């Protein structure tokens, strides 16, 4: 086969270090735009992005030209620098180590987009920890609850 054809949809989820509520509504759209450009610069497509004060969800069309871990590292490192250089938070900002990555078929993409867009509404009723555990269970990803979030790192 002469060409490579793929259809890979991934939801990325990662938390602010210590799960601090540092992403403020007044600048989160700037953060989303910045992260979108980073991802697009690596030839992936951002389908939806939204954040809460202590975490972010990003749905991407992923191209297999880069390791996923490398993309996440670039997104997290670059956005840390962006936030800290622009002094968007009163204290130092950092993402927690680790991330979640969940794959979806094309037929599930509209539902995931809707879910990500409604994060503000969703988190009026549910904590991020409970949401994340639910995503892990639905995706049948094995995990040990005490090690989901490091508050001491």
N, C-alpha and C. Protein backbone atom coordinates (compact mmCIF):
# COMPACT_ATOMS: atom_id res chain seq x y z
N UNK A 1 0.85 -1.17 0.00
CA UNK A 1 0.00 0.00 0.00
C UNK A 1 0.90 1.24 0.00
N UNK A 2 0.66 2.15 -0.90
CA UNK A 2 1.54 3.30 -1.10
C UNK A 2 1.36 4.40 -0.06
N UNK A 3 0.20 4.54 0.51
CA UNK A 3 -0.06 5.62 1.46
C UNK A 3 -0.48 5.07 2.81
N UNK A 4 -0.50 5.94 3.79
CA UNK A 4 -0.94 5.58 5.12
C UNK A 4 -2.28 6.24 5.37
N UNK A 5 -3.27 5.47 5.78
CA UNK A 5 -4.61 5.98 6.05
C UNK A 5 -4.97 5.63 7.49
N UNK A 6 -5.36 6.64 8.24
CA UNK A 6 -5.72 6.40 9.62
C UNK A 6 -6.94 7.23 10.01
N UNK A 7 -7.59 6.79 11.05
CA UNK A 7 -8.69 7.54 11.66
C UNK A 7 -8.58 7.26 13.16
N UNK A 8 -7.88 8.16 13.85
CA UNK A 8 -7.61 7.96 15.27
C UNK A 8 -8.13 9.18 16.03
N UNK A 9 -9.11 8.95 16.88
CA UNK A 9 -9.68 10.03 17.70
C UNK A 9 -9.34 9.76 19.15
N UNK A 10 -8.66 10.71 19.78
CA UNK A 10 -8.22 10.53 21.17
C UNK A 10 -8.69 11.69 22.03
N UNK A 11 -9.19 11.35 23.21
CA UNK A 11 -9.46 12.37 24.21
C UNK A 11 -8.30 12.34 25.20
N UNK A 12 -7.68 13.50 25.37
CA UNK A 12 -6.60 13.64 26.34
C UNK A 12 -7.16 14.37 27.55
N UNK A 13 -6.79 13.89 28.73
CA UNK A 13 -7.23 14.51 29.97
C UNK A 13 -6.03 14.61 30.89
N UNK A 14 -5.77 15.81 31.40
CA UNK A 14 -4.73 15.93 32.41
C UNK A 14 -5.07 17.04 33.38
N UNK A 15 -4.47 16.94 34.56
CA UNK A 15 -4.82 17.80 35.70
C UNK A 15 -3.71 18.78 36.02
N UNK A 16 -4.11 19.87 36.64
CA UNK A 16 -3.16 20.84 37.18
C UNK A 16 -2.45 20.18 38.37
N UNK A 17 -1.17 20.47 38.53
CA UNK A 17 -0.39 19.89 39.62
C UNK A 17 -1.08 20.15 40.95
N UNK A 18 -1.12 19.13 41.78
CA UNK A 18 -1.81 19.13 43.07
C UNK A 18 -3.31 19.37 42.92
N UNK A 19 -3.79 19.28 41.69
CA UNK A 19 -5.20 19.57 41.34
C UNK A 19 -5.63 20.95 41.84
N UNK A 20 -4.68 21.89 41.84
CA UNK A 20 -5.00 23.26 42.21
C UNK A 20 -5.93 23.88 41.18
N UNK A 21 -6.83 24.70 41.63
CA UNK A 21 -7.79 25.38 40.74
C UNK A 21 -7.13 26.66 40.22
N UNK A 22 -6.30 26.54 39.20
CA UNK A 22 -5.53 27.67 38.70
C UNK A 22 -5.95 28.17 37.33
N UNK A 23 -6.70 27.39 36.58
CA UNK A 23 -7.12 27.85 35.25
C UNK A 23 -8.35 28.73 35.43
N UNK A 24 -8.17 30.02 35.16
CA UNK A 24 -9.24 30.99 35.40
C UNK A 24 -10.04 31.23 34.12
N UNK A 25 -11.33 31.43 34.28
CA UNK A 25 -12.21 31.68 33.13
C UNK A 25 -11.76 32.87 32.29
N UNK A 26 -11.13 33.85 32.92
CA UNK A 26 -10.75 35.07 32.20
C UNK A 26 -9.66 34.82 31.14
N UNK A 27 -8.88 33.74 31.27
CA UNK A 27 -7.83 33.47 30.30
C UNK A 27 -7.83 32.05 29.74
N UNK A 28 -8.81 31.26 30.08
CA UNK A 28 -8.77 29.87 29.61
C UNK A 28 -8.93 29.76 28.10
N UNK A 29 -9.67 30.68 27.45
CA UNK A 29 -9.79 30.64 25.99
C UNK A 29 -8.43 30.90 25.33
N UNK A 30 -7.61 31.76 25.94
CA UNK A 30 -6.24 31.98 25.45
C UNK A 30 -5.45 30.68 25.53
N UNK A 31 -5.60 29.98 26.64
CA UNK A 31 -4.92 28.71 26.83
C UNK A 31 -5.37 27.70 25.78
N UNK A 32 -6.67 27.62 25.56
CA UNK A 32 -7.20 26.68 24.57
C UNK A 32 -6.65 27.00 23.17
N UNK A 33 -6.62 28.28 22.82
CA UNK A 33 -6.10 28.68 21.51
C UNK A 33 -4.62 28.34 21.38
N UNK A 34 -3.87 28.58 22.44
CA UNK A 34 -2.44 28.29 22.43
C UNK A 34 -2.19 26.79 22.25
N UNK A 35 -2.90 25.98 23.01
CA UNK A 35 -2.74 24.52 22.91
C UNK A 35 -3.18 24.03 21.53
N UNK A 36 -4.24 24.60 21.00
CA UNK A 36 -4.71 24.21 19.66
C UNK A 36 -3.62 24.43 18.63
N UNK A 37 -2.94 25.57 18.68
CA UNK A 37 -1.86 25.86 17.73
C UNK A 37 -0.71 24.86 17.89
N UNK A 38 -0.36 24.55 19.12
CA UNK A 38 0.72 23.57 19.35
C UNK A 38 0.36 22.24 18.68
N UNK A 39 -0.84 21.77 18.92
CA UNK A 39 -1.27 20.47 18.37
C UNK A 39 -1.32 20.52 16.85
N UNK A 40 -1.84 21.61 16.30
CA UNK A 40 -1.91 21.75 14.84
C UNK A 40 -0.52 21.83 14.21
N UNK A 41 0.44 22.41 14.93
CA UNK A 41 1.81 22.50 14.41
C UNK A 41 2.44 21.12 14.23
N UNK A 42 1.90 20.12 14.90
CA UNK A 42 2.38 18.75 14.75
C UNK A 42 1.48 17.93 13.84
N UNK A 43 0.61 18.63 13.09
CA UNK A 43 -0.24 18.03 12.06
C UNK A 43 -1.39 17.17 12.61
N UNK A 44 -1.76 17.41 13.87
CA UNK A 44 -2.94 16.77 14.43
C UNK A 44 -4.07 17.79 14.36
N UNK A 45 -5.28 17.35 14.58
CA UNK A 45 -6.44 18.24 14.48
C UNK A 45 -7.17 18.29 15.82
N UNK A 46 -7.38 19.49 16.35
CA UNK A 46 -8.15 19.66 17.57
C UNK A 46 -9.63 19.69 17.20
N UNK A 47 -10.38 18.74 17.73
CA UNK A 47 -11.82 18.67 17.47
C UNK A 47 -12.61 19.40 18.55
N UNK A 48 -12.08 19.41 19.77
CA UNK A 48 -12.74 20.11 20.88
C UNK A 48 -11.75 20.24 22.02
N UNK A 49 -11.83 21.37 22.72
CA UNK A 49 -10.98 21.58 23.88
C UNK A 49 -11.77 22.39 24.90
N UNK A 50 -11.67 22.00 26.16
CA UNK A 50 -12.33 22.74 27.23
C UNK A 50 -11.61 22.40 28.53
N UNK A 51 -11.65 23.34 29.45
CA UNK A 51 -10.98 23.12 30.72
C UNK A 51 -11.85 23.60 31.87
N UNK A 52 -11.49 23.11 33.01
CA UNK A 52 -12.04 23.53 34.29
C UNK A 52 -10.87 24.10 35.08
N UNK A 53 -11.09 24.68 36.22
CA UNK A 53 -9.99 25.27 36.97
C UNK A 53 -8.85 24.29 37.29
N UNK A 54 -9.16 22.98 37.38
CA UNK A 54 -8.13 22.02 37.79
C UNK A 54 -7.79 20.95 36.76
N UNK A 55 -8.37 21.01 35.56
CA UNK A 55 -8.04 20.01 34.54
C UNK A 55 -8.48 20.45 33.16
N UNK A 56 -8.06 19.67 32.15
CA UNK A 56 -8.39 19.99 30.76
C UNK A 56 -8.74 18.71 30.00
N UNK A 57 -9.65 18.86 29.02
CA UNK A 57 -10.03 17.79 28.09
C UNK A 57 -9.71 18.29 26.68
N UNK A 58 -9.08 17.45 25.88
CA UNK A 58 -8.77 17.80 24.50
C UNK A 58 -9.11 16.59 23.63
N UNK A 59 -9.97 16.78 22.65
CA UNK A 59 -10.28 15.70 21.69
C UNK A 59 -9.55 16.04 20.40
N UNK A 60 -8.73 15.09 19.95
CA UNK A 60 -7.94 15.34 18.74
C UNK A 60 -8.13 14.24 17.71
N UNK A 61 -7.94 14.63 16.46
CA UNK A 61 -7.72 13.69 15.37
C UNK A 61 -6.22 13.51 15.32
N UNK A 62 -5.75 12.34 15.68
CA UNK A 62 -4.32 12.08 15.87
C UNK A 62 -3.70 11.46 14.64
N UNK A 63 -2.58 12.00 14.21
CA UNK A 63 -1.80 11.45 13.10
C UNK A 63 -0.68 10.59 13.69
N UNK A 64 -0.45 9.40 13.17
CA UNK A 64 0.56 8.51 13.75
C UNK A 64 1.99 8.85 13.32
N UNK A 65 2.27 10.14 13.20
CA UNK A 65 3.61 10.59 12.82
C UNK A 65 4.44 10.98 14.04
N UNK A 66 3.85 10.87 15.21
CA UNK A 66 4.49 11.30 16.45
C UNK A 66 4.00 10.39 17.56
N UNK A 67 4.85 10.13 18.52
CA UNK A 67 4.42 9.36 19.69
C UNK A 67 3.47 10.22 20.51
N UNK A 68 2.40 9.62 20.99
CA UNK A 68 1.43 10.35 21.79
C UNK A 68 2.09 10.97 23.01
N UNK A 69 2.95 10.23 23.67
CA UNK A 69 3.62 10.76 24.86
C UNK A 69 4.45 12.00 24.54
N UNK A 70 5.05 12.04 23.36
CA UNK A 70 5.82 13.22 22.94
C UNK A 70 4.90 14.41 22.73
N UNK A 71 3.75 14.19 22.10
CA UNK A 71 2.79 15.28 21.89
C UNK A 71 2.31 15.84 23.23
N UNK A 72 1.93 14.97 24.15
CA UNK A 72 1.44 15.43 25.45
C UNK A 72 2.54 16.20 26.18
N UNK A 73 3.76 15.72 26.11
CA UNK A 73 4.88 16.41 26.77
C UNK A 73 5.06 17.81 26.20
N UNK A 74 5.00 17.95 24.88
CA UNK A 74 5.15 19.26 24.25
C UNK A 74 3.99 20.18 24.65
N UNK A 75 2.77 19.67 24.65
CA UNK A 75 1.60 20.47 25.02
C UNK A 75 1.73 20.95 26.47
N UNK A 76 2.06 20.04 27.37
CA UNK A 76 2.14 20.41 28.78
C UNK A 76 3.30 21.38 29.05
N UNK A 77 4.46 21.09 28.52
CA UNK A 77 5.63 21.94 28.75
C UNK A 77 5.42 23.33 28.14
N UNK A 78 4.97 23.38 26.90
CA UNK A 78 4.76 24.67 26.23
C UNK A 78 3.68 25.50 26.91
N UNK A 79 2.60 24.86 27.31
CA UNK A 79 1.52 25.62 27.95
C UNK A 79 1.94 26.08 29.35
N UNK A 80 2.76 25.30 30.05
CA UNK A 80 3.33 25.77 31.33
C UNK A 80 4.10 27.06 31.12
N UNK A 81 4.98 27.06 30.12
CA UNK A 81 5.79 28.24 29.82
C UNK A 81 4.89 29.42 29.45
N UNK A 82 3.90 29.17 28.61
CA UNK A 82 2.96 30.22 28.19
C UNK A 82 2.26 30.85 29.40
N UNK A 83 1.73 30.04 30.28
CA UNK A 83 1.01 30.53 31.45
C UNK A 83 1.94 31.29 32.39
N UNK A 84 3.11 30.73 32.66
CA UNK A 84 4.03 31.36 33.60
C UNK A 84 4.69 32.62 33.02
N UNK A 85 5.06 32.60 31.75
CA UNK A 85 5.67 33.77 31.12
C UNK A 85 4.70 34.94 31.08
N UNK A 86 3.44 34.65 30.82
CA UNK A 86 2.42 35.70 30.75
C UNK A 86 1.82 36.03 32.11
N UNK A 87 2.32 35.39 33.15
CA UNK A 87 1.88 35.63 34.53
C UNK A 87 0.35 35.58 34.66
N UNK A 88 -0.21 34.51 34.10
CA UNK A 88 -1.67 34.35 34.13
C UNK A 88 -2.17 33.86 35.48
N UNK A 89 -1.28 33.30 36.28
CA UNK A 89 -1.64 32.87 37.63
C UNK A 89 -0.75 33.60 38.64
N UNK A 90 -1.27 33.84 39.83
CA UNK A 90 -0.46 34.53 40.84
C UNK A 90 0.72 33.69 41.35
N UNK A 91 0.61 32.37 41.23
CA UNK A 91 1.70 31.49 41.66
C UNK A 91 2.12 30.62 40.47
N UNK A 92 3.22 29.90 40.64
CA UNK A 92 3.75 29.05 39.58
C UNK A 92 2.71 28.03 39.12
N UNK A 93 2.59 27.84 37.81
CA UNK A 93 1.65 26.88 37.23
C UNK A 93 2.42 25.70 36.68
N UNK A 94 1.86 24.49 36.90
CA UNK A 94 2.41 23.28 36.30
C UNK A 94 1.30 22.24 36.18
N UNK A 95 1.43 21.40 35.17
CA UNK A 95 0.53 20.26 35.03
C UNK A 95 1.07 19.12 35.87
N UNK A 96 0.18 18.29 36.38
CA UNK A 96 0.60 17.09 37.10
C UNK A 96 1.22 16.11 36.12
N UNK A 97 2.13 15.28 36.61
CA UNK A 97 2.69 14.23 35.76
C UNK A 97 1.58 13.29 35.34
N UNK A 98 1.75 12.68 34.18
CA UNK A 98 0.78 11.71 33.70
C UNK A 98 -0.38 12.35 32.97
N UNK A 99 -1.18 11.50 32.36
CA UNK A 99 -2.35 11.95 31.60
C UNK A 99 -3.22 10.74 31.29
N UNK A 100 -4.43 11.02 30.85
CA UNK A 100 -5.30 9.97 30.33
C UNK A 100 -5.45 10.17 28.84
N UNK A 101 -5.48 9.09 28.09
CA UNK A 101 -5.72 9.14 26.65
C UNK A 101 -6.69 8.02 26.32
N UNK A 102 -7.80 8.39 25.70
CA UNK A 102 -8.89 7.46 25.44
C UNK A 102 -9.30 7.54 23.99
N UNK A 103 -9.42 6.39 23.33
CA UNK A 103 -9.74 6.36 21.91
C UNK A 103 -11.24 6.17 21.69
N UNK A 104 -11.71 6.74 20.58
CA UNK A 104 -13.13 6.68 20.23
C UNK A 104 -13.29 6.42 18.75
N UNK A 105 -14.34 5.69 18.41
CA UNK A 105 -14.67 5.50 17.01
C UNK A 105 -15.31 6.79 16.49
N UNK A 106 -15.34 6.93 15.17
CA UNK A 106 -15.91 8.14 14.56
C UNK A 106 -17.35 8.36 14.99
N UNK A 107 -18.11 7.31 15.17
CA UNK A 107 -19.52 7.46 15.56
C UNK A 107 -19.68 8.02 16.97
N UNK A 108 -18.66 7.90 17.81
CA UNK A 108 -18.72 8.43 19.17
C UNK A 108 -18.22 9.88 19.28
N UNK A 109 -17.56 10.38 18.26
CA UNK A 109 -16.95 11.71 18.30
C UNK A 109 -17.97 12.81 18.63
N UNK A 110 -19.14 12.87 18.00
CA UNK A 110 -20.10 13.94 18.35
C UNK A 110 -20.49 13.92 19.83
N UNK A 111 -20.67 12.76 20.40
CA UNK A 111 -21.02 12.65 21.81
C UNK A 111 -19.89 13.12 22.72
N UNK A 112 -18.65 12.81 22.36
CA UNK A 112 -17.49 13.24 23.14
C UNK A 112 -17.34 14.76 23.04
N UNK A 113 -17.54 15.31 21.85
CA UNK A 113 -17.48 16.77 21.68
C UNK A 113 -18.53 17.44 22.56
N UNK A 114 -19.73 16.92 22.54
CA UNK A 114 -20.80 17.47 23.37
C UNK A 114 -20.44 17.40 24.85
N UNK A 115 -19.90 16.28 25.26
CA UNK A 115 -19.48 16.08 26.65
C UNK A 115 -18.41 17.09 27.05
N UNK A 116 -17.42 17.29 26.20
CA UNK A 116 -16.34 18.23 26.51
C UNK A 116 -16.86 19.67 26.53
N UNK A 117 -17.71 20.02 25.60
CA UNK A 117 -18.26 21.38 25.56
C UNK A 117 -19.07 21.72 26.80
N UNK A 118 -19.69 20.72 27.40
CA UNK A 118 -20.57 20.95 28.55
C UNK A 118 -19.87 20.75 29.88
N UNK A 119 -18.57 20.92 29.93
CA UNK A 119 -17.82 20.71 31.17
C UNK A 119 -18.28 21.63 32.30
N UNK A 120 -18.56 22.89 31.99
CA UNK A 120 -19.01 23.81 33.05
C UNK A 120 -20.28 23.29 33.72
N UNK A 121 -21.22 22.88 32.90
CA UNK A 121 -22.49 22.35 33.40
C UNK A 121 -22.27 21.04 34.14
N UNK A 122 -21.47 20.18 33.56
CA UNK A 122 -21.20 18.85 34.11
C UNK A 122 -20.58 18.93 35.51
N UNK A 123 -19.64 19.87 35.68
CA UNK A 123 -18.92 19.93 36.96
C UNK A 123 -19.66 20.71 38.05
N UNK A 124 -20.83 21.18 37.75
CA UNK A 124 -21.68 21.73 38.82
C UNK A 124 -22.22 20.58 39.67
N UNK A 125 -22.28 19.38 39.07
CA UNK A 125 -22.86 18.22 39.74
C UNK A 125 -21.83 17.15 40.11
N UNK A 126 -20.63 17.23 39.52
CA UNK A 126 -19.70 16.11 39.66
C UNK A 126 -18.26 16.58 39.78
N UNK A 127 -17.52 15.98 40.68
CA UNK A 127 -16.11 16.31 40.87
C UNK A 127 -15.26 15.68 39.77
N UNK A 128 -14.14 16.32 39.47
CA UNK A 128 -13.22 15.80 38.45
C UNK A 128 -12.77 14.38 38.77
N UNK A 129 -12.43 14.11 40.02
CA UNK A 129 -11.98 12.77 40.41
C UNK A 129 -13.01 11.70 40.02
N UNK A 130 -14.29 11.97 40.32
CA UNK A 130 -15.35 11.01 39.99
C UNK A 130 -15.51 10.87 38.48
N UNK A 131 -15.40 11.98 37.77
CA UNK A 131 -15.50 11.97 36.31
C UNK A 131 -14.37 11.13 35.71
N UNK A 132 -13.16 11.33 36.19
CA UNK A 132 -12.00 10.64 35.65
C UNK A 132 -12.09 9.13 35.92
N UNK A 133 -12.49 8.77 37.10
CA UNK A 133 -12.66 7.35 37.43
C UNK A 133 -13.72 6.72 36.52
N UNK A 134 -14.79 7.44 36.27
CA UNK A 134 -15.84 6.94 35.37
C UNK A 134 -15.30 6.73 33.95
N UNK A 135 -14.52 7.68 33.45
CA UNK A 135 -13.92 7.54 32.12
C UNK A 135 -13.02 6.31 32.07
N UNK A 136 -12.18 6.14 33.09
CA UNK A 136 -11.29 4.97 33.14
C UNK A 136 -12.08 3.66 33.14
N UNK A 137 -13.13 3.63 33.95
CA UNK A 137 -13.94 2.39 34.04
C UNK A 137 -14.65 2.10 32.72
N UNK A 138 -15.24 3.12 32.10
CA UNK A 138 -15.94 2.92 30.82
C UNK A 138 -14.98 2.43 29.75
N UNK A 139 -13.74 2.92 29.78
CA UNK A 139 -12.73 2.52 28.80
C UNK A 139 -12.05 1.20 29.19
N UNK A 140 -12.43 0.66 30.36
CA UNK A 140 -11.86 -0.57 30.87
C UNK A 140 -10.34 -0.49 31.03
N UNK A 141 -9.90 0.67 31.54
CA UNK A 141 -8.48 0.88 31.82
C UNK A 141 -8.22 0.51 33.28
N UNK A 142 -7.35 -0.45 33.52
CA UNK A 142 -7.06 -0.81 34.91
C UNK A 142 -6.32 0.33 35.62
N UNK A 143 -6.66 0.55 36.88
CA UNK A 143 -6.01 1.60 37.66
C UNK A 143 -6.10 1.25 39.13
N UNK A 144 -5.24 1.88 39.90
CA UNK A 144 -5.27 1.75 41.35
C UNK A 144 -5.63 3.13 41.90
N UNK A 145 -6.79 3.23 42.51
CA UNK A 145 -7.32 4.51 42.94
C UNK A 145 -6.36 5.37 43.77
N UNK A 146 -5.60 4.78 44.71
CA UNK A 146 -4.69 5.63 45.50
C UNK A 146 -3.62 6.33 44.66
N UNK A 147 -3.37 5.84 43.44
CA UNK A 147 -2.29 6.39 42.61
C UNK A 147 -2.80 7.25 41.45
N UNK A 148 -4.08 7.56 41.42
CA UNK A 148 -4.61 8.37 40.33
C UNK A 148 -4.04 9.78 40.33
N UNK A 149 -3.96 10.40 41.47
CA UNK A 149 -3.50 11.77 41.57
C UNK A 149 -2.42 11.86 42.65
N UNK A 150 -1.32 12.51 42.31
CA UNK A 150 -0.26 12.72 43.29
C UNK A 150 -0.39 14.12 43.85
N UNK A 151 -0.75 14.22 45.11
CA UNK A 151 -0.85 15.51 45.74
C UNK A 151 0.50 15.95 46.30
N UNK A 152 1.46 15.06 46.32
CA UNK A 152 2.75 15.34 46.95
C UNK A 152 3.85 15.64 45.94
N UNK A 153 3.61 15.51 44.65
CA UNK A 153 4.68 15.72 43.67
C UNK A 153 5.02 17.17 43.52
